[in-house]
Structure formats: C-alpha cells, structure tokens
C-alpha cells in the first residue's frame, strides 16, 4: 500500500508533517488484570491533566492546544460544524464524558490527551489501493460513523482511497468502512502536524503510542513520517 500527501495539500499547509504508525496485533486479546487497571489509570490521569490545563487557561495566557488545527480548518472547504478530533476529545474529557469502546480506544485517547495532538486509527486491511491526504474534487462517498452515506465537498482536505473518503476534514471523522474492529489485526495510526510548532510534539506522541502498543498488546510497529521533502512511502 502506498501512503502519500498530494502536492496541493502542501500549498495550504507548507509545513505539514503526516506521522504514521503501522501496527500488527490482536486487540481482542485480554491484557490481564494488572495491565487492564494500569491502562484505565493512564486515561484517568490524562483526563485530569486536561482539566488542569483548562483551569490554568482561565487564569494564565496559556496556548490553546487545539488552536493550530482550528485555524487550519479555515484554509479549506469544510463540512459545517466540523472540528479537529482533538478539540472534540478535549471537550469530552473536560466534561467527563469519555466512554472508550475498548482498550485500543482507551490507549489512543490517553496518548492524544497527554500530548494534545489529534490521533486517528484505521483498519489497514479495509483500505483499498493507495491512501492519500488530498484535496477532494467533491462527491467522494463517505460512510459516517453512524452509518449514513454522505459526500465530501470540493476542496475539502480528506484521506482518500479507491472507494472514497476514509477520513473527512483532515481528522474530523473516520469512515465506518475503515474503522477498527475486534477482528482486525493490521492497523494504521495517523496524526498530522500543520505547522512547525507542533511537529516535535506530534512526533513524540507517535513514538509514545508505539511504545504503549508494544507494552500492552505486544504489537509489531513501524513508524514513519511524510512531508514536502518526502511526500509518499510504500508500506
């Protein structure tokens, strides 16, 4: 499978870096009581830190961690109401409404909150042909998380494969068609840094994600990144 970033995307985001992590493991295997409790604790601590950051933001001029992606969404045609998955995750954490579906989602949420970066996961076996971060020509089919069939807008920055959109509005929503399932064994994690300031943090998040996947699931992992200097890779 080839993964690439279309040249037109770099015209919008010249400093974009796409961080990818390929992982092979069985998400349905039991972790054991000790690891199960440890993983739950990691997410609880990440939620508490999100609360603390919010409290400090009210009294101190701290940077909003979701701001780079919020500004990025203004540079292309987007679906009304769309926002970075990081922004929605931070909001749910602050409200105490995170309800992860399983250990894999729990782990991904903890990493995303700890580093304040967006993080998506796809079932690599469900991706057809190449996967590209592209400017949609419009009307690419997309199966929303609730199962409804929708179409992308012209100029929308999306992940596309041969069958349509895999992720809409950079990282707003993942297609139900390629979302992870308990029977999956090959996964592709994606995180985008849209500017220079977030590049180091996003890279650290992906390295930490790989470490946690190996510790909890015994995963075999491979990490790589794409930028304007190397916009594609076969995996």
Protein backbone atom coordinates (compact mmCIF):
# COMPACT_ATOMS: atom_id res chain seq x y z
CA UNK A 1 0.00 0.00 0.00
CA UNK A 2 1.22 3.47 -0.88
CA UNK A 3 0.58 6.36 1.53
CA UNK A 4 1.05 9.87 0.19
CA UNK A 5 0.27 13.56 0.62
CA UNK A 6 -0.99 15.32 -2.50
CA UNK A 7 1.08 18.32 -3.61
CA UNK A 8 -1.98 20.61 -3.46
CA UNK A 9 -2.24 20.00 0.30
CA UNK A 10 1.23 21.47 0.80
CA UNK A 11 0.06 24.64 -0.95
CA UNK A 12 -2.34 25.08 2.00
CA UNK A 13 -0.01 23.74 4.69
CA UNK A 14 3.63 24.13 3.59
CA UNK A 15 4.96 22.81 6.91
CA UNK A 16 2.56 19.86 7.22
CA UNK A 17 4.05 16.61 8.50
CA UNK A 18 1.98 13.44 8.44
CA UNK A 19 3.06 10.98 11.12
CA UNK A 20 2.12 7.34 10.53
CA UNK A 21 2.44 4.24 12.65
CA UNK A 22 1.74 0.79 11.28
CA UNK A 23 0.96 -1.83 13.93
CA UNK A 24 0.15 -5.55 13.88
CA UNK A 25 -1.54 -7.10 16.94
CA UNK A 26 -4.77 -8.67 18.20
CA UNK A 27 -6.84 -6.00 20.03
CA UNK A 28 -9.23 -8.64 21.37
CA UNK A 29 -6.63 -10.49 23.43
CA UNK A 30 -7.11 -9.98 27.20
CA UNK A 31 -4.44 -7.75 28.73
CA UNK A 32 -4.56 -9.27 32.16
CA UNK A 33 -5.86 -7.60 35.31
CA UNK A 34 -2.67 -5.63 36.07
CA UNK A 35 -2.31 -4.11 32.60
CA UNK A 36 -6.05 -3.50 32.35
CA UNK A 37 -6.02 -1.43 35.52
CA UNK A 38 -2.86 0.38 34.51
CA UNK A 39 -4.35 1.39 31.15
CA UNK A 40 -7.53 2.67 32.79
CA UNK A 41 -5.40 4.68 35.20
CA UNK A 42 -3.42 6.20 32.33
CA UNK A 43 -6.59 7.53 30.73
CA UNK A 44 -7.92 8.83 34.06
CA UNK A 45 -4.66 10.73 34.62
CA UNK A 46 -4.75 12.13 31.09
CA UNK A 47 -8.32 13.37 31.71
CA UNK A 48 -7.26 15.05 34.96
CA UNK A 49 -4.40 16.81 33.19
CA UNK A 50 -6.87 18.08 30.58
CA UNK A 51 -8.95 19.54 33.43
CA UNK A 52 -5.88 21.21 34.95
CA UNK A 53 -4.86 22.74 31.63
CA UNK A 54 -8.35 24.19 31.24
CA UNK A 55 -8.26 25.69 34.74
CA UNK A 56 -4.87 27.30 34.09
CA UNK A 57 -6.07 28.66 30.76
CA UNK A 58 -8.73 30.63 32.61
CA UNK A 59 -6.14 32.45 34.74
CA UNK A 60 -2.99 32.43 32.60
CA UNK A 61 -2.38 33.15 28.90
CA UNK A 62 -1.52 29.54 28.00
CA UNK A 63 -1.71 28.47 24.38
CA UNK A 64 -4.85 26.63 23.33
CA UNK A 65 -3.56 23.18 22.23
CA UNK A 66 -6.27 22.82 19.57
CA UNK A 67 -5.69 26.26 18.03
CA UNK A 68 -3.38 25.16 15.16
CA UNK A 69 -5.96 22.71 13.87
CA UNK A 70 -8.86 25.11 14.39
CA UNK A 71 -7.03 27.70 12.28
CA UNK A 72 -6.13 25.03 9.75
CA UNK A 73 -9.77 24.16 9.17
CA UNK A 74 -10.33 27.72 7.92
CA UNK A 75 -7.99 27.18 4.97
CA UNK A 76 -10.15 24.70 3.06
CA UNK A 77 -13.77 23.89 2.33
CA UNK A 78 -15.15 22.00 5.33
CA UNK A 79 -18.41 20.49 6.43
CA UNK A 80 -20.48 22.83 8.61
CA UNK A 81 -19.76 22.13 12.27
CA UNK A 82 -16.63 20.09 11.62
CA UNK A 83 -13.72 20.43 14.03
CA UNK A 84 -10.49 18.66 14.80
CA UNK A 85 -10.94 15.37 16.61
CA UNK A 86 -8.52 16.78 19.21
CA UNK A 87 -10.88 19.63 20.02
CA UNK A 88 -13.85 17.31 20.49
CA UNK A 89 -11.77 14.88 22.58
CA UNK A 90 -10.56 17.69 24.88
CA UNK A 91 -14.13 18.91 25.33
CA UNK A 92 -15.43 15.43 26.18
CA UNK A 93 -12.56 14.92 28.65
CA UNK A 94 -13.22 18.23 30.39
CA UNK A 95 -16.90 17.32 30.71
CA UNK A 96 -16.10 13.83 31.98
CA UNK A 97 -17.93 12.18 29.10
CA UNK A 98 -15.22 9.93 27.65
CA UNK A 99 -16.58 6.41 27.20
CA UNK A 100 -13.96 4.43 25.22
CA UNK A 101 -15.30 1.35 23.44
CA UNK A 102 -12.33 -0.84 24.41
CA UNK A 103 -8.69 -0.97 25.35
CA UNK A 104 -7.43 0.20 21.96
CA UNK A 105 -9.59 3.34 22.03
CA UNK A 106 -8.66 3.90 25.69
CA UNK A 107 -4.96 3.80 24.82
CA UNK A 108 -5.32 6.11 21.81
CA UNK A 109 -7.37 8.65 23.82
CA UNK A 110 -4.73 8.68 26.58
CA UNK A 111 -1.92 9.41 24.11
CA UNK A 112 -3.94 12.09 22.32
CA UNK A 113 -4.77 13.85 25.60
CA UNK A 114 -1.25 13.54 27.05
CA UNK A 115 0.35 15.21 24.02
CA UNK A 116 -2.59 17.37 22.85
CA UNK A 117 -2.47 16.06 19.29
CA UNK A 118 -5.16 14.54 17.05
CA UNK A 119 -4.89 10.79 16.58
CA UNK A 120 -6.83 8.50 14.28
CA UNK A 121 -6.80 4.76 13.75
CA UNK A 122 -7.83 2.82 10.64
CA UNK A 123 -8.09 -0.89 9.93
CA UNK A 124 -5.35 -1.16 7.29
CA UNK A 125 -6.89 -4.32 5.80
CA UNK A 126 -10.02 -2.32 4.84
CA UNK A 127 -8.16 0.37 2.88
CA UNK A 128 -8.37 -0.23 -0.87
CA UNK A 129 -5.48 0.80 -3.09
CA UNK A 130 -3.37 3.79 -2.06
CA UNK A 131 -4.24 6.10 0.82
CA UNK A 132 -3.73 9.80 0.16
CA UNK A 133 -4.21 13.03 2.07
CA UNK A 134 -5.76 15.03 -0.78
CA UNK A 135 -7.97 17.92 -1.80
CA UNK A 136 -11.25 16.28 -2.71
CA UNK A 137 -12.76 17.08 -6.10
CA UNK A 138 -16.11 16.72 -4.37
CA UNK A 139 -18.71 13.98 -4.08
CA UNK A 140 -16.35 11.29 -2.77
CA UNK A 141 -18.52 8.78 -0.87
CA UNK A 142 -18.10 8.66 2.89
CA UNK A 143 -19.86 6.41 5.39
CA UNK A 144 -20.33 8.44 8.57
CA UNK A 145 -19.73 6.80 11.98
CA UNK A 146 -23.48 6.33 12.47
CA UNK A 147 -23.71 4.57 9.10
CA UNK A 148 -25.20 7.37 7.00
CA UNK A 149 -23.77 7.73 3.49
CA UNK A 150 -22.55 11.28 2.76
CA UNK A 151 -20.40 13.01 0.13
CA UNK A 152 -17.31 15.18 0.52
CA UNK A 153 -17.20 18.81 -0.59
CA UNK A 154 -15.00 20.16 -3.36
CA UNK A 155 -11.72 21.44 -1.88
CA UNK A 156 -12.09 19.50 1.36
CA UNK A 157 -8.85 18.05 2.72
CA UNK A 158 -9.57 14.32 3.13
CA UNK A 159 -7.90 10.95 3.30
CA UNK A 160 -9.00 9.09 0.17
CA UNK A 161 -8.60 5.54 -1.08
CA UNK A 162 -10.03 3.83 -4.16
CA UNK A 163 -13.53 3.55 -2.66
CA UNK A 164 -13.92 7.08 -1.31
CA UNK A 165 -13.13 9.09 1.82
CA UNK A 166 -11.50 7.35 4.77
CA UNK A 167 -11.34 10.48 6.94
CA UNK A 168 -13.12 13.80 6.34
CA UNK A 169 -11.89 17.34 7.04
CA UNK A 170 -8.34 16.16 7.85
CA UNK A 171 -9.24 14.31 11.06
CA UNK A 172 -12.79 15.31 11.91
CA UNK A 173 -14.47 11.94 11.32
CA UNK A 174 -13.35 8.40 10.46
CA UNK A 175 -15.34 6.36 7.98
CA UNK A 176 -17.31 3.47 9.43
CA UNK A 177 -15.99 1.46 6.46
CA UNK A 178 -12.38 1.53 7.70
CA UNK A 179 -12.85 1.89 11.44
CA UNK A 180 -11.06 -0.69 13.65
CA UNK A 181 -12.91 -3.83 14.68
CA UNK A 182 -12.07 -6.57 17.22
CA UNK A 183 -11.32 -8.94 14.34
CA UNK A 184 -8.73 -6.59 12.81
CA UNK A 185 -5.02 -7.37 13.02
CA UNK A 186 -3.37 -4.62 10.95
CA UNK A 187 -3.84 -1.00 11.96
CA UNK A 188 -2.68 2.38 10.71
CA UNK A 189 -2.48 5.29 13.14
CA UNK A 190 -2.37 8.82 11.71
CA UNK A 191 -1.57 12.22 13.19
CA UNK A 192 -0.95 15.48 11.35
CA UNK A 193 1.14 18.45 12.39
CA UNK A 194 0.05 21.51 10.41
CA UNK A 195 2.84 23.87 11.49
CA UNK A 196 6.42 23.82 12.74
CA UNK A 197 5.46 24.38 16.38
CA UNK A 198 3.52 21.10 16.68
CA UNK A 199 5.91 18.88 14.73
CA UNK A 200 8.10 17.81 17.64
CA UNK A 201 5.14 17.20 19.96
CA UNK A 202 3.32 15.10 17.37
CA UNK A 203 6.41 13.04 16.66
CA UNK A 204 6.88 12.37 20.38
CA UNK A 205 3.23 11.33 20.64
CA UNK A 206 3.61 8.76 17.88
CA UNK A 207 6.76 7.32 19.42
CA UNK A 208 4.97 7.04 22.77
CA UNK A 209 1.99 5.42 21.05
CA UNK A 210 4.30 2.78 19.58
CA UNK A 211 5.83 2.13 22.99
CA UNK A 212 2.42 1.68 24.63
CA UNK A 213 1.17 -0.59 21.83
CA UNK A 214 4.21 -2.82 22.24
CA UNK A 215 3.83 -2.90 26.03
CA UNK A 216 0.09 -3.56 26.24
CA UNK A 217 -0.57 -5.56 23.08
CA UNK A 218 2.84 -6.93 22.11
CA UNK A 219 2.42 -5.11 18.80
CA UNK A 220 4.90 -5.08 15.96
CA UNK A 221 5.22 -1.43 14.95
CA UNK A 222 6.76 0.70 12.23
CA UNK A 223 6.81 4.50 12.39
CA UNK A 224 7.46 6.95 9.55
CA UNK A 225 6.57 10.48 8.53
CA UNK A 226 5.73 12.28 5.28
CA UNK A 227 6.43 15.91 4.42
CA UNK A 228 7.05 18.08 1.39
CA UNK A 229 10.56 16.60 1.26
CA UNK A 230 9.23 13.02 1.20
CA UNK A 231 5.55 13.05 0.30
CA UNK A 232 4.99 9.30 -0.17
CA UNK A 233 6.01 5.86 1.07
CA UNK A 234 5.10 2.25 0.28
CA UNK A 235 4.35 0.13 3.34
